[in-house]
């Protein structure tokens, strides 16, 4: 076998290998969707944290332009701990009408809980929402009332602040 023939066979083998890997990835994705009844579809379709919010809380939010900031407490003994995300949106993205937002300001009890959680995560002041001007939405997990979600949307900056607590 000549060097040229060997190179040709290697190229063909690499091409077939790449083709098989792509087919395997597509089959795996299809199998995952089939086995989970499509419940993981948001993770496969969207590239931002809104897919996780949909899976955890059943809230379909539009995809953001970019993730500005994220942090978490790490997993707790019983759950996933706390997570904090700041997502940037664009005009016309649909975030303004995605939920039945509560009008600002955030209720005093909710604001106190949010501030305490942000303090425990050491969120820098510049990455905290203005609770006096944000539209907001709060939810409890129906299967575990200790788990909470706070969504705060600042229409002046088009930023969405997501705070999740899993106990």
Foldseek 3Di string as FASTA:
>chain_A
DDPVVVVVVVVVVVVVVVVVVVVVVVVVVVVVCVVVVNLQVLVVPADDCQSVCCSQPVQRAFHAPDWPDKDFPAADPQGGFKIKTKGAHDPPRCRVPSDPWAFDQDDPVVVVVVVVVCVVRVPDPVPDDPNRGWTKDKDADPVDRVWIWIWTAHPVRRMIMIMIGDD
